[in-house]
C-alpha atoms as a PDB file:
ATOM      1  CA  MET A   1      29.507 -12.322 -10.581  1.00  0.00           C
ATOM      2  CA  LYS A   2      31.977  -9.595 -11.559  1.00  0.00           C
ATOM      3  CA  PRO A   3      35.144  -9.230  -9.446  1.00  0.00           C
ATOM      4  CA  VAL A   4      34.039  -5.820  -8.124  1.00  0.00           C
ATOM      5  CA  THR A   5      30.755  -7.354  -6.987  1.00  0.00           C
ATOM      6  CA  ILE A   6      32.587 -10.171  -5.219  1.00  0.00           C
ATOM      7  CA  LYS A   7      34.748  -7.590  -3.462  1.00  0.00           C
ATOM      8  CA  LYS A   8      31.654  -5.643  -2.420  1.00  0.00           C
ATOM      9  CA  LEU A   9      29.952  -8.756  -1.123  1.00  0.00           C
ATOM     10  CA  LEU A  10      32.874  -9.689   1.114  1.00  0.00           C
ATOM     11  CA  GLN A  11      33.206  -6.061   2.169  1.00  0.00           C
ATOM     12  CA  PHE A  12      29.541  -6.043   3.134  1.00  0.00           C
ATOM     13  CA  HIS A  13      30.021  -9.175   5.217  1.00  0.00           C
ATOM     14  CA  ASP A  14      32.933  -7.582   7.084  1.00  0.00           C
ATOM     15  CA  LEU A  15      30.960  -4.390   7.760  1.00  0.00           C
ATOM     16  CA  LEU A  16      28.012  -6.321   9.126  1.00  0.00           C
ATOM     17  CA  PHE A  17      30.213  -8.643  11.170  1.00  0.00           C
ATOM     18  CA  GLU A  18      31.905  -5.664  12.788  1.00  0.00           C
ATOM     19  CA  LEU A  19      28.466  -4.302  13.631  1.00  0.00           C
ATOM     20  CA  TYR A  20      26.706  -7.471  14.871  1.00  0.00           C
ATOM     21  CA  GLY A  21      29.341 -10.167  15.317  1.00  0.00           C
ATOM     22  CA  GLU A  22      28.517 -13.874  15.562  1.00  0.00           C
ATOM     23  CA  LEU A  23      24.757 -14.375  15.742  1.00  0.00           C
ATOM     24  CA  GLU A  24      22.447 -17.243  16.580  1.00  0.00           C
ATOM     25  CA  CYS A  25      19.228 -18.294  14.920  1.00  0.00           C
ATOM     26  CA  ALA A  26      16.344 -16.112  16.121  1.00  0.00           C
ATOM     27  CA  LEU A  27      14.040 -19.122  16.372  1.00  0.00           C
ATOM     28  CA  TYR A  28      13.956 -20.928  19.707  1.00  0.00           C
ATOM     29  CA  TYR A  29      14.687 -24.666  19.652  1.00  0.00           C
ATOM     30  CA  ASN A  30      16.554 -27.404  21.480  1.00  0.00           C
ATOM     31  CA  GLU A  31      16.374 -30.278  19.011  1.00  0.00           C
ATOM     32  CA  PRO A  32      16.731 -30.402  15.206  1.00  0.00           C
ATOM     33  CA  HIS A  33      13.077 -31.350  14.693  1.00  0.00           C
ATOM     34  CA  GLU A  34      12.021 -28.339  16.768  1.00  0.00           C
ATOM     35  CA  LEU A  35      14.010 -26.010  14.522  1.00  0.00           C
ATOM     36  CA  MET A  36      12.499 -27.690  11.474  1.00  0.00           C
ATOM     37  CA  VAL A  37       8.972 -27.143  12.787  1.00  0.00           C
ATOM     38  CA  ALA A  38       9.729 -23.564  13.867  1.00  0.00           C
ATOM     39  CA  ALA A  39      11.214 -22.763  10.468  1.00  0.00           C
ATOM     40  CA  MET A  40       8.149 -24.210   8.743  1.00  0.00           C
ATOM     41  CA  LEU A  41       5.919 -22.043  10.933  1.00  0.00           C
ATOM     42  CA  SER A  42       7.960 -18.928  10.120  1.00  0.00           C
ATOM     43  CA  ALA A  43       6.735 -18.748   6.512  1.00  0.00           C
ATOM     44  CA  GLN A  44       4.880 -15.428   6.239  1.00  0.00           C
ATOM     45  CA  CYS A  45       5.047 -15.121  10.016  1.00  0.00           C
ATOM     46  CA  THR A  46       7.435 -13.261  12.312  1.00  0.00           C
ATOM     47  CA  ASP A  47      10.024 -15.128  14.348  1.00  0.00           C
ATOM     48  CA  LYS A  48       8.663 -13.365  17.425  1.00  0.00           C
ATOM     49  CA  ARG A  49       5.213 -14.857  16.859  1.00  0.00           C
ATOM     50  CA  VAL A  50       6.677 -18.297  16.123  1.00  0.00           C
ATOM     51  CA  ASN A  51       8.646 -18.225  19.371  1.00  0.00           C
ATOM     52  CA  ILE A  52       5.473 -17.437  21.304  1.00  0.00           C
ATOM     53  CA  ILE A  53       3.718 -20.400  19.692  1.00  0.00           C
ATOM     54  CA  THR A  54       6.536 -22.893  20.160  1.00  0.00           C
ATOM     55  CA  VAL A  55       6.934 -22.224  23.895  1.00  0.00           C
ATOM     56  CA  THR A  56       3.827 -24.338  24.490  1.00  0.00           C
ATOM     57  CA  LEU A  57       3.921 -26.331  21.243  1.00  0.00           C
ATOM     58  CA  PHE A  58       7.210 -28.060  22.035  1.00  0.00           C
ATOM     59  CA  LYS A  59       6.018 -28.959  25.528  1.00  0.00           C
ATOM     60  CA  LYS A  60       2.953 -30.629  24.037  1.00  0.00           C
ATOM     61  CA  TYR A  61       4.719 -32.375  21.148  1.00  0.00           C
ATOM     62  CA  ARG A  62       8.090 -33.519  22.498  1.00  0.00           C
ATOM     63  CA  SER A  63       9.351 -35.622  19.590  1.00  0.00           C
ATOM     64  CA  VAL A  64       9.141 -36.226  15.862  1.00  0.00           C
ATOM     65  CA  GLU A  65       6.816 -39.116  16.613  1.00  0.00           C
ATOM     66  CA  ALA A  66       4.508 -36.877  18.632  1.00  0.00           C
ATOM     67  CA  PHE A  67       4.126 -34.506  15.699  1.00  0.00           C
ATOM     68  CA  ALA A  68       3.700 -37.422  13.299  1.00  0.00           C
ATOM     69  CA  ASN A  69       0.825 -38.768  15.393  1.00  0.00           C
ATOM     70  CA  ALA A  70      -0.832 -35.414  16.050  1.00  0.00           C
ATOM     71  CA  GLU A  71      -4.490 -34.896  15.213  1.00  0.00           C
ATOM     72  CA  LEU A  72      -4.638 -32.506  12.276  1.00  0.00           C
ATOM     73  CA  SER A  73      -7.457 -30.358  13.658  1.00  0.00           C
ATOM     74  CA  GLU A  74      -5.739 -30.124  17.049  1.00  0.00           C
ATOM     75  CA  LEU A  75      -2.388 -29.114  15.573  1.00  0.00           C
ATOM     76  CA  GLU A  76      -4.172 -26.554  13.388  1.00  0.00           C
ATOM     77  CA  ALA A  77      -5.635 -25.008  16.528  1.00  0.00           C
ATOM     78  CA  ASP A  78      -2.241 -25.047  18.251  1.00  0.00           C
ATOM     79  CA  ILE A  79      -0.552 -23.072  15.447  1.00  0.00           C
ATOM     80  CA  ARG A  80      -3.482 -20.976  14.235  1.00  0.00           C
ATOM     81  CA  THR A  81      -1.848 -17.634  14.994  1.00  0.00           C
ATOM     82  CA  ALA A  82       1.111 -18.464  12.711  1.00  0.00           C
ATOM     83  CA  GLY A  83      -1.047 -17.969   9.630  1.00  0.00           C
ATOM     84  CA  LEU A  84      -1.494 -20.493   6.832  1.00  0.00           C
ATOM     85  CA  PHE A  85      -2.086 -22.885   9.724  1.00  0.00           C
ATOM     86  CA  ARG A  86      -3.955 -25.526   7.752  1.00  0.00           C
ATOM     87  CA  SER A  87      -1.229 -26.146   5.206  1.00  0.00           C
ATOM     88  CA  LYS A  88       1.499 -25.807   7.829  1.00  0.00           C
ATOM     89  CA  ALA A  89      -0.128 -28.350  10.141  1.00  0.00           C
ATOM     90  CA  LYS A  90      -0.630 -30.777   7.260  1.00  0.00           C
ATOM     91  CA  ASN A  91       2.992 -30.435   6.153  1.00  0.00           C
ATOM     92  CA  ILE A  92       4.415 -30.742   9.675  1.00  0.00           C
ATOM     93  CA  ILE A  93       2.560 -33.995  10.264  1.00  0.00           C
ATOM     94  CA  ALA A  94       3.441 -35.360   6.822  1.00  0.00           C
ATOM     95  CA  ALA A  95       7.129 -34.431   7.141  1.00  0.00           C
ATOM     96  CA  CYS A  96       7.364 -35.980  10.606  1.00  0.00           C
ATOM     97  CA  LYS A  97       5.681 -39.171   9.412  1.00  0.00           C
ATOM     98  CA  ILE A  98       8.311 -39.520   6.687  1.00  0.00           C
ATOM     99  CA  ILE A  99      11.130 -38.831   9.144  1.00  0.00           C
ATOM    100  CA  THR A 100       9.719 -41.456  11.486  1.00  0.00           C
ATOM    101  CA  GLN A 101       9.261 -44.047   8.770  1.00  0.00           C
ATOM    102  CA  GLN A 102      12.326 -43.446   6.610  1.00  0.00           C
ATOM    103  CA  PHE A 103      14.928 -41.863   8.899  1.00  0.00           C
ATOM    104  CA  GLU A 104      14.326 -43.621  12.223  1.00  0.00           C
ATOM    105  CA  GLY A 105      12.924 -40.452  13.744  1.00  0.00           C
ATOM    106  CA  GLN A 106      16.059 -38.408  13.048  1.00  0.00           C
ATOM    107  CA  VAL A 107      15.877 -35.242  10.941  1.00  0.00           C
ATOM    108  CA  PRO A 108      17.983 -35.885   7.808  1.00  0.00           C
ATOM    109  CA  LYS A 109      21.192 -33.946   7.298  1.00  0.00           C
ATOM    110  CA  THR A 110      21.298 -33.368   3.544  1.00  0.00           C
ATOM    111  CA  MET A 111      19.715 -30.708   1.382  1.00  0.00           C
ATOM    112  CA  ALA A 112      18.212 -33.286  -0.970  1.00  0.00           C
ATOM    113  CA  GLU A 113      16.531 -35.236   1.825  1.00  0.00           C
ATOM    114  CA  LEU A 114      15.267 -32.163   3.654  1.00  0.00           C
ATOM    115  CA  ASN A 115      14.106 -30.474   0.467  1.00  0.00           C
ATOM    116  CA  ALA A 116      12.066 -33.571  -0.409  1.00  0.00           C
ATOM    117  CA  LEU A 117      10.003 -33.324   2.792  1.00  0.00           C
ATOM    118  CA  PRO A 118       6.543 -31.692   2.556  1.00  0.00           C
ATOM    119  CA  GLY A 119       6.686 -27.973   3.283  1.00  0.00           C
ATOM    120  CA  LEU A 120      10.482 -27.696   3.326  1.00  0.00           C
ATOM    121  CA  GLY A 121      11.946 -25.475   0.645  1.00  0.00           C
ATOM    122  CA  ARG A 122      15.619 -24.594   0.310  1.00  0.00           C
ATOM    123  CA  LYS A 123      15.359 -21.720   2.784  1.00  0.00           C
ATOM    124  CA  THR A 124      13.974 -23.934   5.542  1.00  0.00           C
ATOM    125  CA  ALA A 125      16.428 -26.715   4.717  1.00  0.00           C
ATOM    126  CA  ASN A 126      19.350 -24.281   4.907  1.00  0.00           C
ATOM    127  CA  VAL A 127      18.128 -22.988   8.267  1.00  0.00           C
ATOM    128  CA  VAL A 128      18.092 -26.531   9.637  1.00  0.00           C
ATOM    129  CA  LEU A 129      21.438 -27.528   8.125  1.00  0.00           C
ATOM    130  CA  GLY A 130      23.300 -24.431   9.219  1.00  0.00           C
ATOM    131  CA  ASN A 131      21.901 -24.045  12.713  1.00  0.00           C
ATOM    132  CA  ALA A 132      20.948 -27.526  13.906  1.00  0.00           C
ATOM    133  CA  PHE A 133      23.816 -29.442  12.297  1.00  0.00           C
ATOM    134  CA  GLY A 134      26.553 -26.905  11.636  1.00  0.00           C
ATOM    135  CA  ILE A 135      26.481 -27.757   7.938  1.00  0.00           C
ATOM    136  CA  PRO A 136      27.010 -24.579   5.874  1.00  0.00           C
ATOM    137  CA  GLY A 137      23.798 -23.168   4.478  1.00  0.00           C
ATOM    138  CA  PHE A 138      22.732 -19.738   3.241  1.00  0.00           C
ATOM    139  CA  PRO A 139      18.987 -19.197   3.796  1.00  0.00           C
ATOM    140  CA  VAL A 140      17.517 -16.498   1.568  1.00  0.00           C
ATOM    141  CA  ASP A 141      14.399 -14.868   2.989  1.00  0.00           C
ATOM    142  CA  THR A 142      12.751 -11.562   2.074  1.00  0.00           C
ATOM    143  CA  HIS A 143      15.279  -9.595   4.154  1.00  0.00           C
ATOM    144  CA  VAL A 144      18.274 -11.205   2.450  1.00  0.00           C
ATOM    145  CA  GLN A 145      16.703 -10.688  -0.964  1.00  0.00           C
ATOM    146  CA  ARG A 146      15.902  -7.025  -0.296  1.00  0.00           C
ATOM    147  CA  VAL A 147      19.181  -6.049   1.370  1.00  0.00           C
ATOM    148  CA  LEU A 148      21.519  -7.695  -1.146  1.00  0.00           C
ATOM    149  CA  ASN A 149      19.621  -6.235  -4.089  1.00  0.00           C
ATOM    150  CA  ARG A 150      19.715  -2.768  -2.555  1.00  0.00           C
ATOM    151  CA  PHE A 151      23.395  -3.071  -1.745  1.00  0.00           C
ATOM    152  CA  GLY A 152      24.132  -3.989  -5.350  1.00  0.00           C
ATOM    153  CA  THR A 153      25.752  -7.383  -4.910  1.00  0.00           C
ATOM    154  CA  VAL A 154      22.936  -9.310  -6.586  1.00  0.00           C
ATOM    155  CA  ASP A 155      20.279  -8.416  -9.082  1.00  0.00           C
ATOM    156  CA  SER A 156      17.565 -11.022  -8.769  1.00  0.00           C
ATOM    157  CA  LYS A 157      14.246 -11.622  -7.057  1.00  0.00           C
ATOM    158  CA  TYR A 158      14.746 -15.393  -7.074  1.00  0.00           C
ATOM    159  CA  PRO A 159      16.045 -16.878  -3.782  1.00  0.00           C
ATOM    160  CA  GLU A 160      17.824 -19.821  -5.397  1.00  0.00           C
ATOM    161  CA  LYS A 161      19.745 -17.541  -7.776  1.00  0.00           C
ATOM    162  CA  ILE A 162      20.730 -15.283  -4.880  1.00  0.00           C
ATOM    163  CA  GLU A 163      21.836 -18.278  -2.818  1.00  0.00           C
ATOM    164  CA  LYS A 164      23.900 -19.612  -5.709  1.00  0.00           C
ATOM    165  CA  ALA A 165      25.523 -16.233  -6.378  1.00  0.00           C
ATOM    166  CA  VAL A 166      26.525 -15.718  -2.752  1.00  0.00           C
ATOM    167  CA  THR A 167      27.725 -19.246  -2.014  1.00  0.00           C
ATOM    168  CA  ALA A 168      29.826 -19.240  -5.186  1.00  0.00           C
ATOM    169  CA  VAL A 169      32.139 -16.573  -3.758  1.00  0.00           C
ATOM    170  CA  VAL A 170      31.717 -16.427   0.016  1.00  0.00           C
ATOM    171  CA  PRO A 171      33.617 -19.069   2.039  1.00  0.00           C
ATOM    172  CA  ALA A 172      31.276 -21.813   3.260  1.00  0.00           C
ATOM    173  CA  ASN A 173      32.152 -21.289   6.914  1.00  0.00           C
ATOM    174  CA  LEU A 174      30.601 -17.797   6.686  1.00  0.00           C
ATOM    175  CA  TRP A 175      27.309 -18.721   5.011  1.00  0.00           C
ATOM    176  CA  THR A 176      25.093 -19.340   8.029  1.00  0.00           C
ATOM    177  CA  ASN A 177      26.193 -16.323  10.034  1.00  0.00           C
ATOM    178  CA  PHE A 178      26.222 -14.087   6.947  1.00  0.00           C
ATOM    179  CA  SER A 179      22.554 -14.867   6.474  1.00  0.00           C
ATOM    180  CA  HIS A 180      21.909 -14.028  10.140  1.00  0.00           C
ATOM    181  CA  LEU A 181      23.827 -10.774   9.725  1.00  0.00           C
ATOM    182  CA  ILE A 182      21.843  -9.690   6.680  1.00  0.00           C
ATOM    183  CA  ILE A 183      18.505 -10.641   8.234  1.00  0.00           C
ATOM    184  CA  THR A 184      19.330  -8.706  11.397  1.00  0.00           C
ATOM    185  CA  HIS A 185      20.422  -5.693   9.357  1.00  0.00           C
ATOM    186  CA  GLY A 186      17.241  -5.918   7.291  1.00  0.00           C
ATOM    187  CA  ARG A 187      15.120  -5.871  10.428  1.00  0.00           C
ATOM    188  CA  GLN A 188      16.997  -3.174  12.312  1.00  0.00           C
ATOM    189  CA  VAL A 189      18.310  -0.832   9.623  1.00  0.00           C
ATOM    190  CA  CYS A 190      17.544  -1.724   6.003  1.00  0.00           C
ATOM    191  CA  GLN A 191      13.804  -2.080   6.507  1.00  0.00           C
ATOM    192  CA  ALA A 192      11.421  -2.538   3.615  1.00  0.00           C
ATOM    193  CA  ARG A 193       9.385   0.660   3.851  1.00  0.00           C
ATOM    194  CA  LYS A 194      11.776   3.106   5.492  1.00  0.00           C
ATOM    195  CA  PRO A 195      15.437   2.074   5.453  1.00  0.00           C
ATOM    196  CA  ALA A 196      17.607   3.984   7.927  1.00  0.00           C
ATOM    197  CA  CYS A 197      20.355   4.710   5.423  1.00  0.00           C
ATOM    198  CA  GLY A 198      21.622   7.620   7.498  1.00  0.00           C
ATOM    199  CA  SER A 199      22.700   5.269  10.287  1.00  0.00           C
ATOM    200  CA  CYS A 200      23.934   2.413   8.092  1.00  0.00           C
ATOM    201  CA  PRO A 201      27.686   1.686   8.221  1.00  0.00           C
ATOM    202  CA  ALA A 202      27.567   0.456   4.631  1.00  0.00           C
ATOM    203  CA  VAL A 203      25.884   3.545   3.201  1.00  0.00           C
ATOM    204  CA  THR A 204      28.977   4.816   1.369  1.00  0.00           C
ATOM    205  CA  VAL A 205      29.361   1.615  -0.638  1.00  0.00           C
ATOM    206  CA  CYS A 206      25.683   0.759  -1.057  1.00  0.00           C
ATOM    207  CA  ASN A 207      23.986   1.409  -4.395  1.00  0.00           C
ATOM    208  CA  TYR A 208      20.676   2.258  -2.733  1.00  0.00           C
ATOM    209  CA  GLY A 209      22.277   4.429  -0.054  1.00  0.00           C
ATOM    210  CA  LYS A 210      24.473   6.561  -2.327  1.00  0.00           C
ATOM    211  CA  GLN A 211      21.909   9.347  -2.170  1.00  0.00           C
ATOM    212  CA  TYR A 212      22.728   9.740   1.528  1.00  0.00           C
ATOM    213  CA  LYS A 213      26.461  10.340   1.050  1.00  0.00           C
END
């Protein structure tokens, strides 16, 4: 990344932090495995919908072992409204079986181990690492991809390239909250179809928002 882009990226973080402050993960959970399951359910599904589902889901399945031993058809029915429920149910059970068998029922704490579980890509793994374990991670979802490309700090549609570009220059202790900040901004202001550039505090330094100066 060019020095001016690095400066803009850190400037963007500071603007968003002033606006939103320290944020928490939008997904409800109490235990690491619950966050893992919730994050898996969130693929192509809103956090709001996931939180509705998990209110009853986590009362029914109270441990990794409970998910590992779940009946596939029953779990499918339990998460049907999350979309892609068949593949999600299959992956949740498979991932929890591996955790039970290979990690003594404890969700692993490394990117390599999490990323190797069925249904867990880098985004989901980073969500778990950063929020459940306090291990720096920078999840890149559609909001992060859209907002950073519009702002002009990255120029890529590939999440892993965006993650690498950001984590190369932003201090690790900021990664998790920076992702929260961008996601929140993407939902509230820099929306996909109709961004509210006129009310954005970063409009004067944003490539996309220059037209609103």
